[in-house]
């Protein structure tokens, strides 16, 4: 039965509320150790309590938070690409299982980077006025790595790439598209701020992660579509050059250099992939 008008709009809203809340709850449940120690550090009366929990969070996050986030991005990818009625539990845990190794390795890499940045930031912050300026530089590094983290998950669930390629391209996309990167950071920062400060953690439990994942992948997909269009145009020009080279060769003329670089941008749905096969 299909509702129309106001009832149809309310039905669609309630449907999306259910989808976002279910995925957000699954994300939290699969990341319980990280959120537990993080919450304990935040509510502790000791000002150094959060700092003492950071090493624990850095150790636990690659094995719990990162795989759960990759699973959440897997579902967000389906929604953004038009598959809104996918089974939530099955899609989430399939993404969790099949992206676990890559997300864990990437999580270890990003955790090490964040630890290095934090150690250097607090070190230079305690120095004299001249060296203290360098602390601002590490804040900029934090911003770049944070944005790269969102792109990392989007690339991992969307493209066929090895882990080193995923991390490299996540950083390149972040630096190469500064406007999109700033929009991504500001919007996700606004979502995080509203959820944490304005609604007493209600939205953190039910909506924060799933909304940020959906928006992040939507933003990435827009940039990816534009990049794919440009690549198609380059391939057409390359084919035209090859045709001209073949024609010149047949006429005995020196062939023009038709070599070009090819970037693999195959989506996971473009190849036979058990991740998107409904029978698997």
Protein backbone atom coordinates (compact mmCIF):
# COMPACT_ATOMS: atom_id res chain seq x y z
CA UNK A 1 0.00 0.00 0.00
CA UNK A 2 1.44 3.31 -1.11
CA UNK A 3 0.66 6.52 0.76
CA UNK A 4 0.43 9.85 -1.02
CA UNK A 5 0.28 13.46 0.02
CA UNK A 6 0.93 14.30 3.66
CA UNK A 7 0.62 10.70 4.79
CA UNK A 8 3.12 9.63 2.17
CA UNK A 9 5.58 12.28 3.33
CA UNK A 10 5.20 11.27 6.98
CA UNK A 11 5.65 7.64 6.04
CA UNK A 12 8.86 8.40 4.15
CA UNK A 13 10.21 10.45 7.07
CA UNK A 14 9.44 7.69 9.57
CA UNK A 15 11.06 5.16 7.26
CA UNK A 16 14.29 7.15 7.09
CA UNK A 17 14.24 7.75 10.84
CA UNK A 18 14.07 4.00 11.32
CA UNK A 19 16.87 3.31 8.83
CA UNK A 20 19.25 5.90 10.26
CA UNK A 21 18.57 4.91 13.88
CA UNK A 22 19.01 1.17 13.26
CA UNK A 23 22.37 1.63 11.52
CA UNK A 24 23.54 4.10 14.16
CA UNK A 25 22.66 1.68 16.96
CA UNK A 26 24.48 -1.16 15.20
CA UNK A 27 27.50 1.11 14.81
CA UNK A 28 27.48 1.91 18.53
CA UNK A 29 27.00 -1.71 19.57
CA UNK A 30 29.94 -2.87 17.45
CA UNK A 31 32.10 -0.09 18.91
CA UNK A 32 31.12 -0.43 22.58
CA UNK A 33 34.70 -0.60 23.98
CA UNK A 34 35.71 2.66 22.28
CA UNK A 35 32.59 4.57 23.29
CA UNK A 36 32.69 3.15 26.83
CA UNK A 37 36.23 4.34 27.57
CA UNK A 38 35.61 7.60 25.73
CA UNK A 39 32.50 8.27 27.82
CA UNK A 40 34.28 7.39 31.05
CA UNK A 41 37.04 9.82 30.19
CA UNK A 42 34.58 12.61 29.43
CA UNK A 43 32.52 12.26 32.61
CA UNK A 44 35.49 11.75 34.93
CA UNK A 45 36.07 14.66 37.36
CA UNK A 46 39.81 14.45 36.79
CA UNK A 47 40.97 16.82 34.00
CA UNK A 48 43.62 14.33 32.91
CA UNK A 49 41.21 11.39 32.73
CA UNK A 50 40.49 11.83 29.02
CA UNK A 51 44.19 12.10 28.24
CA UNK A 52 44.84 8.85 30.08
CA UNK A 53 42.16 7.05 28.04
CA UNK A 54 43.55 8.20 24.67
CA UNK A 55 46.14 5.36 24.42
CA UNK A 56 43.39 2.83 25.15
CA UNK A 57 41.16 4.38 22.50
CA UNK A 58 44.02 4.35 19.99
CA UNK A 59 44.52 0.62 20.58
CA UNK A 60 40.84 -0.36 20.52
CA UNK A 61 39.62 1.83 17.63
CA UNK A 62 41.27 -0.08 14.74
CA UNK A 63 39.70 -3.36 15.87
CA UNK A 64 36.20 -2.12 16.73
CA UNK A 65 35.35 1.44 15.67
CA UNK A 66 36.92 1.33 12.20
CA UNK A 67 35.28 -1.94 11.04
CA UNK A 68 31.93 -0.76 12.42
CA UNK A 69 32.30 2.56 10.60
CA UNK A 70 33.16 0.80 7.34
CA UNK A 71 29.99 -1.28 7.73
CA UNK A 72 27.96 1.90 8.30
CA UNK A 73 29.47 3.46 5.17
CA UNK A 74 28.58 0.29 3.25
CA UNK A 75 24.91 0.87 4.03
CA UNK A 76 25.22 4.61 3.34
CA UNK A 77 26.68 3.80 -0.07
CA UNK A 78 23.65 1.71 -0.92
CA UNK A 79 21.31 4.53 0.08
CA UNK A 80 23.17 7.21 -1.86
CA UNK A 81 23.43 5.07 -5.02
CA UNK A 82 19.67 4.45 -5.05
CA UNK A 83 19.29 1.13 -3.21
CA UNK A 84 17.20 2.43 -0.34
CA UNK A 85 15.40 -0.81 0.51
CA UNK A 86 18.43 -3.01 1.18
CA UNK A 87 18.20 -5.29 4.24
CA UNK A 88 19.88 -3.28 6.97
CA UNK A 89 21.25 -6.02 9.20
CA UNK A 90 22.50 -8.20 6.35
CA UNK A 91 24.14 -5.30 4.50
CA UNK A 92 25.73 -3.90 7.65
CA UNK A 93 27.31 -7.14 8.84
CA UNK A 94 28.36 -8.13 5.32
CA UNK A 95 30.22 -4.82 5.07
CA UNK A 96 31.66 -5.36 8.56
CA UNK A 97 33.00 -8.79 7.68
CA UNK A 98 34.34 -8.11 4.21
CA UNK A 99 35.94 -4.74 4.97
CA UNK A 100 37.33 -5.79 8.35
CA UNK A 101 40.96 -6.35 7.35
CA UNK A 102 41.29 -3.17 5.27
CA UNK A 103 39.52 -1.06 7.87
CA UNK A 104 41.67 -2.52 10.66
CA UNK A 105 44.93 -1.86 8.80
CA UNK A 106 43.75 1.63 7.90
CA UNK A 107 42.68 2.18 11.49
CA UNK A 108 46.14 1.28 12.77
CA UNK A 109 47.68 3.71 10.29
CA UNK A 110 45.35 6.59 11.21
CA UNK A 111 45.69 5.86 14.94
CA UNK A 112 49.49 6.10 14.68
CA UNK A 113 49.20 9.34 12.72
CA UNK A 114 46.85 10.88 15.29
CA UNK A 115 49.13 9.81 18.15
CA UNK A 116 52.17 11.37 16.45
CA UNK A 117 50.25 14.59 15.83
CA UNK A 118 48.99 14.73 19.43
CA UNK A 119 52.45 14.12 20.94
CA UNK A 120 54.06 16.82 18.78
CA UNK A 121 51.20 19.26 19.38
CA UNK A 122 51.46 19.10 23.17
CA UNK A 123 55.26 19.14 23.00
CA UNK A 124 55.43 22.36 20.97
CA UNK A 125 52.57 23.89 22.94
CA UNK A 126 54.76 23.83 26.05
CA UNK A 127 57.71 25.46 24.29
CA UNK A 128 58.55 29.13 23.92
CA UNK A 129 56.53 31.56 21.84
CA UNK A 130 58.59 30.89 18.71
CA UNK A 131 58.22 27.11 18.72
CA UNK A 132 54.65 27.31 19.99
CA UNK A 133 53.61 28.51 16.54
CA UNK A 134 54.42 25.03 15.25
CA UNK A 135 51.52 23.70 17.31
CA UNK A 136 49.18 25.44 14.86
CA UNK A 137 50.79 23.44 12.06
CA UNK A 138 49.81 20.19 13.76
CA UNK A 139 46.24 21.44 14.09
CA UNK A 140 46.22 21.84 10.31
CA UNK A 141 47.57 18.29 9.97
CA UNK A 142 44.74 17.08 12.22
CA UNK A 143 42.17 18.71 9.97
CA UNK A 144 43.65 17.13 6.83
CA UNK A 145 43.88 13.66 8.39
CA UNK A 146 40.31 13.91 9.75
CA UNK A 147 38.90 14.77 6.33
CA UNK A 148 41.03 12.01 4.77
CA UNK A 149 39.45 9.59 7.22
CA UNK A 150 35.97 10.22 5.81
CA UNK A 151 37.28 9.83 2.26
CA UNK A 152 39.09 6.66 3.32
CA UNK A 153 35.85 4.94 4.29
CA UNK A 154 34.04 6.17 1.18
CA UNK A 155 36.76 4.88 -1.15
CA UNK A 156 37.04 1.55 0.68
CA UNK A 157 33.35 0.67 0.34
CA UNK A 158 33.00 2.02 -3.21
CA UNK A 159 36.10 1.11 -5.23
CA UNK A 160 38.30 -1.91 -5.88
CA UNK A 161 41.64 -0.82 -4.44
CA UNK A 162 44.37 -2.15 -2.21
CA UNK A 163 44.77 -0.64 1.24
CA UNK A 164 47.80 1.49 0.32
CA UNK A 165 45.98 2.85 -2.73
CA UNK A 166 42.96 3.68 -0.59
CA UNK A 167 44.99 5.65 1.95
CA UNK A 168 46.99 7.44 -0.75
CA UNK A 169 43.90 8.43 -2.73
CA UNK A 170 42.05 9.51 0.41
CA UNK A 171 44.81 12.01 1.15
CA UNK A 172 45.10 13.11 -2.50
CA UNK A 173 41.35 13.72 -2.78
CA UNK A 174 41.41 15.72 0.45
CA UNK A 175 44.25 17.96 -0.70
CA UNK A 176 43.19 18.10 -4.34
CA UNK A 177 39.61 19.20 -3.61
CA UNK A 178 39.97 21.86 -0.91
CA UNK A 179 36.46 23.30 -1.32
CA UNK A 180 34.77 19.91 -1.00
CA UNK A 181 37.06 19.09 1.92
CA UNK A 182 36.13 22.28 3.75
CA UNK A 183 32.41 21.68 3.14
CA UNK A 184 32.77 18.10 4.39
CA UNK A 185 34.57 19.23 7.54
CA UNK A 186 32.18 22.09 8.34
CA UNK A 187 29.01 20.07 7.79
CA UNK A 188 30.20 17.05 9.76
CA UNK A 189 31.53 19.37 12.46
CA UNK A 190 28.12 21.05 12.67
CA UNK A 191 26.37 17.66 12.89
CA UNK A 192 28.75 16.54 15.65
CA UNK A 193 28.36 19.79 17.60
CA UNK A 194 24.56 19.78 17.44
CA UNK A 195 24.32 16.11 18.41
CA UNK A 196 26.72 16.38 21.35
CA UNK A 197 25.74 19.76 22.84
CA UNK A 198 22.12 20.48 21.95
CA UNK A 199 20.25 17.24 22.45
CA UNK A 200 21.93 15.65 25.49
CA UNK A 201 23.43 12.78 23.47
CA UNK A 202 20.05 11.60 22.16
CA UNK A 203 21.12 12.15 18.56
CA UNK A 204 24.53 10.60 19.26
CA UNK A 205 22.84 7.32 20.10
CA UNK A 206 20.32 7.27 17.27
CA UNK A 207 21.47 9.46 14.38
CA UNK A 208 24.88 11.13 14.56
CA UNK A 209 27.08 8.47 12.96
CA UNK A 210 24.62 7.40 10.26
CA UNK A 211 23.89 11.00 9.22
CA UNK A 212 27.60 11.85 9.01
CA UNK A 213 28.34 8.68 7.02
CA UNK A 214 25.49 9.31 4.58
CA UNK A 215 26.46 12.93 4.02
CA UNK A 216 30.17 12.07 3.71
CA UNK A 217 29.56 9.42 1.08
CA UNK A 218 27.11 11.66 -0.79
CA UNK A 219 29.77 14.38 -0.93
CA UNK A 220 32.40 11.88 -2.05
CA UNK A 221 30.10 10.37 -4.69
CA UNK A 222 29.53 13.80 -6.24
CA UNK A 223 33.28 14.34 -6.58
CA UNK A 224 33.81 10.79 -7.84
CA UNK A 225 31.12 11.17 -10.51
CA UNK A 226 32.78 14.33 -11.80
CA UNK A 227 36.18 12.60 -11.82
CA UNK A 228 34.76 9.61 -13.66
CA UNK A 229 33.23 11.92 -16.29
CA UNK A 230 36.61 13.58 -16.82
CA UNK A 231 38.26 10.17 -17.15
CA UNK A 232 35.74 9.13 -19.79
CA UNK A 233 36.50 12.29 -21.74
CA UNK A 234 40.23 11.55 -21.52
CA UNK A 235 39.64 7.98 -22.69
CA UNK A 236 37.67 9.24 -25.67
CA UNK A 237 40.51 11.61 -26.58
CA UNK A 238 42.98 8.74 -26.14
CA UNK A 239 40.97 6.53 -28.48
CA UNK A 240 40.84 9.33 -31.00
CA UNK A 241 44.64 9.69 -30.82
CA UNK A 242 45.05 5.94 -31.31
CA UNK A 243 42.78 6.02 -34.35
CA UNK A 244 44.75 8.92 -35.81
CA UNK A 245 48.02 7.11 -35.07
CA UNK A 246 46.82 3.96 -36.80
CA UNK A 247 45.66 5.95 -39.80
CA UNK A 248 49.01 7.77 -40.00
CA UNK A 249 50.85 4.45 -39.70
CA UNK A 250 48.87 3.00 -42.59
CA UNK A 251 49.84 6.01 -44.67
CA UNK A 252 53.49 5.58 -43.75
CA UNK A 253 53.64 8.69 -41.59
CA UNK A 254 55.32 8.73 -38.14
CA UNK A 255 52.77 7.86 -35.50
CA UNK A 256 52.13 10.28 -32.70
CA UNK A 257 52.79 9.23 -29.16
CA UNK A 258 49.53 7.74 -27.98
CA UNK A 259 50.57 6.66 -24.54
CA UNK A 260 48.50 7.83 -21.63
CA UNK A 261 47.98 7.15 -17.99
CA UNK A 262 44.97 5.15 -16.89
CA UNK A 263 43.51 5.33 -13.46
CA UNK A 264 41.40 2.43 -12.24
CA UNK A 265 38.11 3.85 -11.06
CA UNK A 266 36.03 0.70 -11.32
CA UNK A 267 33.21 0.63 -8.83
CA UNK A 268 32.56 -2.53 -6.93
CA UNK A 269 29.28 -3.02 -8.75
CA UNK A 270 31.00 -2.94 -12.14
CA UNK A 271 32.80 -6.23 -11.54
CA UNK A 272 31.53 -9.58 -10.34
CA UNK A 273 31.71 -8.93 -6.61
CA UNK A 274 30.14 -11.12 -3.96
CA UNK A 275 29.66 -8.05 -1.76
CA UNK A 276 26.86 -6.79 -3.98
CA UNK A 277 25.52 -10.17 -5.08
CA UNK A 278 22.16 -10.68 -3.35
CA UNK A 279 22.53 -14.44 -3.54
CA UNK A 280 25.74 -14.49 -1.51
